[in-house]
Amino acid sequence: MHTSAHWTPPIYPEWLGERSPCEVHGTRFPYVAGAMANGNCTARIVIEMGRAGMLGFVGAAGLEGLVMDQLRRNAQQRGR
């Protein structure tokens, strides 16, 4: 029976994926999270993703303009 020990060095999240989107969007990590249509998330996920160095978004399809405006204002107020 052949056995061998393999060791893999640690891989940091910054090393995963393509770096160019991070450079374009000014993020630290190549991760994106958010909601699909109808905005089934809060502004908080967008804020926390940004604070963590990632890109967050709210899916706006199906939302009325007033709802989107409220989400935007909420994110701006909390993000300060």
N, C-alpha and C. Protein backbone atom coordinates (compact mmCIF):
# COMPACT_ATOMS: atom_id res chain seq x y z
N MET A 1 0.84 -1.18 0.00
CA MET A 1 0.00 0.00 0.00
C MET A 1 0.89 1.24 0.00
N HIS A 2 0.60 2.15 -0.90
CA HIS A 2 1.39 3.37 -1.01
C HIS A 2 0.72 4.50 -0.24
N THR A 3 1.45 5.11 0.64
CA THR A 3 0.92 6.27 1.35
C THR A 3 1.89 7.43 1.15
N SER A 4 1.34 8.58 1.03
CA SER A 4 2.18 9.78 0.93
C SER A 4 1.47 10.92 1.63
N ALA A 5 2.25 11.76 2.21
CA ALA A 5 1.70 12.91 2.92
C ALA A 5 1.76 14.12 1.98
N HIS A 6 0.64 14.73 1.79
CA HIS A 6 0.59 15.94 0.97
C HIS A 6 0.22 17.10 1.86
N TRP A 7 0.86 18.19 1.64
CA TRP A 7 0.59 19.38 2.42
C TRP A 7 0.28 20.52 1.47
N THR A 8 -0.78 21.21 1.75
CA THR A 8 -1.16 22.36 0.95
C THR A 8 -1.04 23.60 1.81
N PRO A 9 -0.35 24.61 1.33
CA PRO A 9 -0.22 25.83 2.13
C PRO A 9 -1.57 26.54 2.24
N PRO A 10 -1.70 27.41 3.22
CA PRO A 10 -2.96 28.14 3.37
C PRO A 10 -3.24 29.00 2.14
N ILE A 11 -4.50 29.10 1.82
CA ILE A 11 -4.92 29.95 0.70
C ILE A 11 -5.82 31.03 1.26
N TYR A 12 -5.45 32.24 1.07
CA TYR A 12 -6.24 33.36 1.58
C TYR A 12 -7.36 33.70 0.61
N PRO A 13 -8.50 34.15 1.10
CA PRO A 13 -9.63 34.47 0.21
C PRO A 13 -9.27 35.46 -0.89
N GLU A 14 -8.35 36.38 -0.60
CA GLU A 14 -7.93 37.36 -1.61
C GLU A 14 -7.27 36.70 -2.81
N TRP A 15 -6.74 35.50 -2.62
CA TRP A 15 -6.03 34.81 -3.69
C TRP A 15 -6.97 34.04 -4.62
N LEU A 16 -8.21 33.86 -4.23
CA LEU A 16 -9.15 33.07 -5.02
C LEU A 16 -9.76 33.93 -6.13
N GLY A 17 -9.98 33.33 -7.26
CA GLY A 17 -10.68 34.03 -8.33
C GLY A 17 -9.82 35.05 -9.07
N GLU A 18 -10.45 35.73 -9.96
CA GLU A 18 -9.81 36.74 -10.80
C GLU A 18 -9.71 38.06 -10.04
N ARG A 19 -8.58 38.72 -10.10
CA ARG A 19 -8.35 39.97 -9.36
C ARG A 19 -8.93 41.19 -10.05
N SER A 20 -9.12 41.17 -11.36
CA SER A 20 -9.55 42.38 -12.06
C SER A 20 -10.90 42.92 -11.59
N PRO A 21 -11.90 42.10 -11.25
CA PRO A 21 -13.15 42.68 -10.72
C PRO A 21 -12.93 43.41 -9.40
N CYS A 22 -12.01 42.92 -8.58
CA CYS A 22 -11.71 43.61 -7.32
C CYS A 22 -11.12 44.98 -7.59
N GLU A 23 -10.26 45.05 -8.58
CA GLU A 23 -9.66 46.33 -8.93
C GLU A 23 -10.69 47.30 -9.49
N VAL A 24 -11.58 46.79 -10.33
CA VAL A 24 -12.60 47.64 -10.94
C VAL A 24 -13.58 48.17 -9.90
N HIS A 25 -14.01 47.32 -8.97
CA HIS A 25 -15.04 47.70 -7.99
C HIS A 25 -14.47 48.17 -6.66
N GLY A 26 -13.16 48.12 -6.52
CA GLY A 26 -12.54 48.59 -5.29
C GLY A 26 -12.83 47.70 -4.09
N THR A 27 -12.91 46.41 -4.31
CA THR A 27 -13.18 45.47 -3.24
C THR A 27 -11.92 44.69 -2.88
N ARG A 28 -11.92 44.10 -1.71
CA ARG A 28 -10.78 43.30 -1.27
C ARG A 28 -10.90 41.85 -1.71
N PHE A 29 -12.12 41.35 -1.67
CA PHE A 29 -12.37 39.94 -1.97
C PHE A 29 -13.19 39.79 -3.25
N PRO A 30 -12.98 38.72 -4.01
CA PRO A 30 -13.74 38.50 -5.23
C PRO A 30 -15.07 37.80 -4.97
N TYR A 31 -15.87 38.36 -4.05
CA TYR A 31 -17.15 37.77 -3.70
C TYR A 31 -18.27 38.77 -3.92
N VAL A 32 -19.41 38.26 -4.35
CA VAL A 32 -20.61 39.08 -4.57
C VAL A 32 -21.76 38.37 -3.88
N ALA A 33 -22.62 39.13 -3.19
CA ALA A 33 -23.80 38.56 -2.55
C ALA A 33 -24.94 39.56 -2.62
N GLY A 34 -26.13 39.06 -2.61
CA GLY A 34 -27.28 39.94 -2.63
C GLY A 34 -28.55 39.17 -2.89
N ALA A 35 -29.53 39.88 -3.40
CA ALA A 35 -30.84 39.29 -3.62
C ALA A 35 -31.21 39.32 -5.10
N MET A 36 -32.07 38.43 -5.47
CA MET A 36 -32.60 38.43 -6.83
C MET A 36 -33.70 39.47 -6.92
N ALA A 37 -34.59 39.31 -7.87
CA ALA A 37 -35.67 40.26 -8.12
C ALA A 37 -36.56 40.44 -6.89
N ASN A 38 -37.23 41.55 -6.85
CA ASN A 38 -38.18 41.93 -5.80
C ASN A 38 -37.51 42.30 -4.49
N GLY A 39 -36.22 42.53 -4.52
CA GLY A 39 -35.52 43.06 -3.35
C GLY A 39 -35.73 42.29 -2.07
N ASN A 40 -35.65 40.96 -2.14
CA ASN A 40 -35.93 40.15 -0.95
C ASN A 40 -34.75 40.11 0.01
N CYS A 41 -34.10 41.25 0.18
CA CYS A 41 -33.09 41.41 1.22
C CYS A 41 -33.16 42.85 1.70
N THR A 42 -32.45 43.13 2.74
CA THR A 42 -32.45 44.49 3.26
C THR A 42 -31.18 45.20 2.81
N ALA A 43 -31.16 46.49 3.08
CA ALA A 43 -29.96 47.26 2.77
C ALA A 43 -28.78 46.78 3.61
N ARG A 44 -29.07 46.12 4.71
CA ARG A 44 -28.00 45.69 5.62
C ARG A 44 -27.00 44.75 4.95
N ILE A 45 -27.48 43.84 4.11
CA ILE A 45 -26.53 42.92 3.46
C ILE A 45 -25.59 43.69 2.55
N VAL A 46 -26.10 44.70 1.86
CA VAL A 46 -25.27 45.50 0.98
C VAL A 46 -24.21 46.25 1.80
N ILE A 47 -24.63 46.82 2.90
CA ILE A 47 -23.72 47.56 3.78
C ILE A 47 -22.65 46.65 4.36
N GLU A 48 -23.07 45.52 4.91
CA GLU A 48 -22.11 44.61 5.55
C GLU A 48 -21.15 43.98 4.55
N MET A 49 -21.63 43.68 3.36
CA MET A 49 -20.73 43.16 2.33
C MET A 49 -19.67 44.20 2.00
N GLY A 50 -20.09 45.45 1.85
CA GLY A 50 -19.14 46.52 1.56
C GLY A 50 -18.13 46.71 2.67
N ARG A 51 -18.60 46.68 3.90
CA ARG A 51 -17.69 46.82 5.04
C ARG A 51 -16.67 45.69 5.11
N ALA A 52 -17.07 44.52 4.64
CA ALA A 52 -16.19 43.36 4.67
C ALA A 52 -15.27 43.28 3.45
N GLY A 53 -15.38 44.26 2.54
CA GLY A 53 -14.51 44.27 1.36
C GLY A 53 -15.05 43.48 0.19
N MET A 54 -16.37 43.27 0.16
CA MET A 54 -17.01 42.53 -0.92
C MET A 54 -18.07 43.40 -1.58
N LEU A 55 -18.67 42.89 -2.63
CA LEU A 55 -19.68 43.63 -3.38
C LEU A 55 -21.06 43.08 -3.04
N GLY A 56 -21.96 43.94 -2.60
CA GLY A 56 -23.32 43.53 -2.29
C GLY A 56 -24.30 44.25 -3.19
N PHE A 57 -25.45 43.64 -3.43
CA PHE A 57 -26.45 44.28 -4.28
C PHE A 57 -27.86 43.89 -3.86
N VAL A 58 -28.81 44.70 -4.28
CA VAL A 58 -30.24 44.43 -4.09
C VAL A 58 -30.84 44.24 -5.46
N GLY A 59 -31.57 43.15 -5.67
CA GLY A 59 -32.26 42.93 -6.94
C GLY A 59 -33.48 43.83 -7.01
N ALA A 60 -33.49 44.75 -7.96
CA ALA A 60 -34.54 45.77 -8.01
C ALA A 60 -35.68 45.44 -8.96
N ALA A 61 -35.55 44.41 -9.76
CA ALA A 61 -36.63 44.09 -10.69
C ALA A 61 -37.92 43.80 -9.93
N GLY A 62 -38.99 44.44 -10.33
CA GLY A 62 -40.27 44.23 -9.68
C GLY A 62 -40.56 45.17 -8.52
N LEU A 63 -39.60 46.00 -8.14
CA LEU A 63 -39.81 46.94 -7.05
C LEU A 63 -40.26 48.29 -7.61
N GLU A 64 -41.11 48.94 -6.86
CA GLU A 64 -41.52 50.28 -7.24
C GLU A 64 -40.41 51.26 -6.92
N GLY A 65 -40.39 52.39 -7.61
CA GLY A 65 -39.35 53.39 -7.42
C GLY A 65 -39.25 53.88 -5.99
N LEU A 66 -40.38 54.05 -5.31
CA LEU A 66 -40.36 54.53 -3.93
C LEU A 66 -39.68 53.54 -2.99
N VAL A 67 -39.90 52.27 -3.23
CA VAL A 67 -39.28 51.23 -2.39
C VAL A 67 -37.77 51.25 -2.60
N MET A 68 -37.34 51.34 -3.86
CA MET A 68 -35.91 51.39 -4.15
C MET A 68 -35.27 52.64 -3.55
N ASP A 69 -35.97 53.75 -3.65
CA ASP A 69 -35.44 54.99 -3.08
C ASP A 69 -35.29 54.86 -1.56
N GLN A 70 -36.24 54.20 -0.92
CA GLN A 70 -36.17 53.99 0.53
C GLN A 70 -34.99 53.08 0.87
N LEU A 71 -34.78 52.02 0.11
CA LEU A 71 -33.64 51.13 0.34
C LEU A 71 -32.32 51.88 0.17
N ARG A 72 -32.24 52.71 -0.85
CA ARG A 72 -31.02 53.48 -1.10
C ARG A 72 -30.73 54.44 0.05
N ARG A 73 -31.76 55.16 0.50
CA ARG A 73 -31.58 56.10 1.62
C ARG A 73 -31.17 55.35 2.88
N ASN A 74 -31.80 54.21 3.13
CA ASN A 74 -31.47 53.40 4.30
C ASN A 74 -30.02 52.96 4.26
N ALA A 75 -29.57 52.51 3.10
CA ALA A 75 -28.17 52.07 2.96
C ALA A 75 -27.21 53.24 3.16
N GLN A 76 -27.54 54.39 2.64
CA GLN A 76 -26.67 55.55 2.78
C GLN A 76 -26.59 55.98 4.25
N GLN A 77 -27.69 55.98 4.94
CA GLN A 77 -27.70 56.39 6.35
C GLN A 77 -26.94 55.42 7.22
N ARG A 78 -27.17 54.13 7.02
CA ARG A 78 -26.51 53.11 7.84
C ARG A 78 -25.05 52.93 7.49
N GLY A 79 -24.71 53.20 6.24
CA GLY A 79 -23.34 52.99 5.78
C GLY A 79 -22.36 54.04 6.25
N ARG A 80 -22.83 55.08 6.87
CA ARG A 80 -21.93 56.14 7.34
C ARG A 80 -21.17 55.75 8.56
